[in-house]
Protein backbone atom coordinates (compact mmCIF):
# COMPACT_ATOMS: atom_id res chain seq x y z
CA MET A 1 11.50 88.65 103.61
CA GLY A 2 8.87 85.96 103.88
CA LEU A 3 7.10 86.49 100.76
CA GLY A 4 10.52 86.35 98.72
CA LEU A 5 10.90 82.76 99.99
CA PHE A 6 7.48 82.09 98.90
CA SER A 7 7.98 83.09 95.63
CA SER A 8 11.19 81.19 95.48
CA VAL A 9 9.47 78.17 96.63
CA ILE A 10 6.60 78.84 94.03
CA ASP A 11 8.96 79.26 91.07
CA HIS A 12 11.11 76.02 92.24
CA SER A 13 7.71 74.12 92.32
CA LEU A 14 6.64 75.54 88.86
CA ALA A 15 9.96 74.59 87.32
CA SER A 16 9.73 71.02 88.20
CA VAL A 17 6.35 70.59 87.00
CA MET A 18 7.27 72.27 83.98
CA LEU A 19 10.24 69.82 83.91
CA ALA A 20 8.33 67.03 84.86
CA ARG A 21 5.99 67.55 81.67
CA PHE A 22 8.76 67.94 79.12
CA VAL A 23 10.40 64.59 80.44
CA ARG A 24 7.25 62.97 79.94
CA ALA A 25 6.45 64.49 76.46
CA LYS A 26 10.04 63.68 75.19
CA LYS A 27 10.02 59.68 76.48
CA GLY A 28 6.65 59.49 74.81
CA ARG A 29 8.49 60.74 71.56
CA ILE A 30 11.70 58.96 71.27
CA THR A 31 10.62 55.44 69.98
CA ASN A 32 11.75 53.32 67.44
CA SER A 33 10.16 54.94 64.27
CA LEU A 34 9.16 51.22 63.19
CA ASP A 35 7.24 50.68 66.26
CA MET A 36 6.05 54.28 65.95
CA THR A 37 4.30 53.41 62.58
CA ALA A 38 2.72 50.25 63.80
CA GLN A 39 1.40 51.74 67.02
CA ARG A 40 -0.21 54.91 65.68
CA SER A 41 -1.48 55.83 61.95
CA GLY A 42 0.47 58.54 61.36
CA LEU A 43 3.27 61.29 62.90
CA THR A 44 2.87 63.12 66.30
CA ALA A 45 1.05 66.05 66.23
CA CYS A 46 3.12 69.50 66.77
CA MET A 47 3.66 70.71 70.10
CA SER A 48 3.47 74.18 69.05
CA PRO A 49 2.16 75.91 65.86
CA LEU A 50 5.16 78.47 66.30
CA ASN A 51 8.02 76.09 65.53
CA CYS A 52 6.53 73.32 63.89
CA VAL A 53 4.75 72.49 60.50
CA PHE A 54 2.25 69.31 59.73
CA VAL A 55 0.93 68.07 56.23
CA GLN A 56 -1.01 65.57 54.98
CA LYS A 57 -1.81 65.16 51.45
CA ASP A 58 -3.57 62.43 48.99
CA PHE A 59 -1.36 61.60 46.41
CA ASN A 60 -2.74 59.07 43.08
CA ASP A 61 0.74 57.36 43.05
CA VAL A 62 1.69 57.46 46.60
CA ASP A 63 4.99 55.46 46.50
CA LYS A 64 6.17 57.21 43.62
CA ALA A 65 5.68 60.89 45.55
CA PHE A 66 7.28 59.10 48.50
CA SER A 67 10.48 57.68 46.71
CA GLU A 68 10.26 61.47 45.37
CA LEU A 69 9.95 63.22 48.37
CA LYS A 70 12.54 61.36 50.23
CA LYS A 71 15.11 62.17 47.38
CA ILE A 72 14.19 66.03 47.65
CA ALA A 73 14.43 65.93 51.29
CA GLY A 74 17.83 63.93 51.03
CA ASN A 75 19.30 66.74 48.94
CA ILE A 76 18.23 69.65 51.06
CA PRO A 77 21.61 71.70 52.09
CA ARG A 78 22.79 70.72 55.65
CA THR A 79 20.44 67.39 56.12
CA THR A 80 21.53 63.92 57.40
CA VAL A 81 19.32 61.65 57.04
CA LEU A 82 18.72 59.47 60.18
CA GLU A 83 16.12 56.79 59.13
CA ASP A 84 15.02 55.61 55.61
CA SER A 85 12.71 52.68 55.35
CA ASN A 86 10.03 51.78 53.02
CA ASN A 87 7.31 54.04 54.45
CA TYR A 88 9.30 56.40 56.87
CA TRP A 89 11.93 58.92 56.05
CA LYS A 90 13.83 61.15 58.92
CA GLY A 91 16.16 63.65 58.97
CA VAL A 92 18.00 66.48 60.77
CA CYS A 93 18.11 69.98 58.68
CA ARG A 94 20.26 72.36 60.26
CA SER A 95 20.35 76.25 60.12
CA LEU A 96 22.85 78.15 57.86
CA ILE A 97 24.80 80.33 60.44
CA PHE A 98 24.05 78.55 64.46
CA ARG A 99 23.19 75.04 63.04
CA PHE A 100 19.89 75.19 64.71
CA PRO A 101 18.68 71.23 64.33
CA ASP A 102 15.31 71.01 62.73
CA ASP A 103 13.49 67.23 62.69
CA LEU A 104 12.01 66.30 59.45
CA GLU A 105 9.77 63.51 59.14
CA ILE A 106 7.87 61.77 56.03
CA LEU A 107 5.72 58.98 56.81
CA LYS A 108 3.66 57.01 54.03
CA VAL A 109 0.55 56.21 56.18
CA ASN A 110 -1.50 54.18 53.34
CA GLN A 111 -1.49 53.79 49.93
CA GLU A 112 -3.39 57.45 49.02
CA ILE A 113 -1.91 59.81 52.01
CA ILE A 114 1.86 61.04 53.13
CA GLN A 115 2.51 63.11 55.95
CA ILE A 116 5.23 65.47 56.47
CA LYS A 117 6.16 67.09 59.66
CA SER A 118 9.12 69.67 60.31
CA ALA A 119 9.75 71.04 63.79
CA SER A 120 12.45 73.02 65.33
CA ARG A 121 14.14 71.13 68.13
CA ILE A 122 15.08 74.52 69.83
CA GLY A 123 13.66 77.78 70.19
CA ALA A 124 9.89 78.97 70.58
CA SER A 125 9.29 80.22 66.91
CA ASP A 126 11.00 79.27 63.76
CA LEU A 127 10.53 82.58 61.92
CA GLY A 128 8.84 80.45 59.13
CA VAL A 129 11.80 78.39 58.44
CA ASN A 130 9.78 74.76 58.64
CA ARG A 131 6.53 76.00 56.55
CA GLY A 132 9.31 77.03 54.17
CA ARG A 133 10.84 73.78 54.17
CA ILE A 134 7.64 71.91 53.44
CA ASN A 135 6.84 74.36 50.99
CA TYR A 136 9.91 73.72 49.03
CA LEU A 137 9.29 70.02 49.47
CA LEU A 138 6.03 70.22 47.97
CA LYS A 139 6.96 72.63 45.09
CA GLN A 140 9.95 70.55 44.20
CA LEU A 141 7.62 67.17 44.19
CA GLU A 142 5.30 69.24 41.94
CA LYS A 143 7.93 70.17 39.63
CA ASN A 144 9.66 66.83 39.17
CA THR A 145 6.35 64.88 38.56
CA LEU A 146 5.01 67.19 35.96
């Protein structure tokens, strides 16, 4: 009986620690994106490679590539644009059946580099959806700029 109570206290304590870490991580990520680009030179790193993909690419004409990527991303089915500025674009893409939300971000870091990040908000794995989305963006960009 004593062991059960002890185990329960440890489980509760572990859950409290995990919740505190989650809240701190979320607080760090919830910022005005314009402030974000001023404070850092890029998008935040993926917390898990199982449900998030981050790509950084060099382009000869970054302005043209960024403009085209924003257009392509905005036309992905079930995508809602949350923010669109001269160097940052953010949208939420929802899955077809269950409408799970994935964050899609595109950042023009400088006159050579664009970063793209697609991350699931829910679940430990995305079954390759985010990688597929970024591959789609880059293939469409290549097709549209040829």
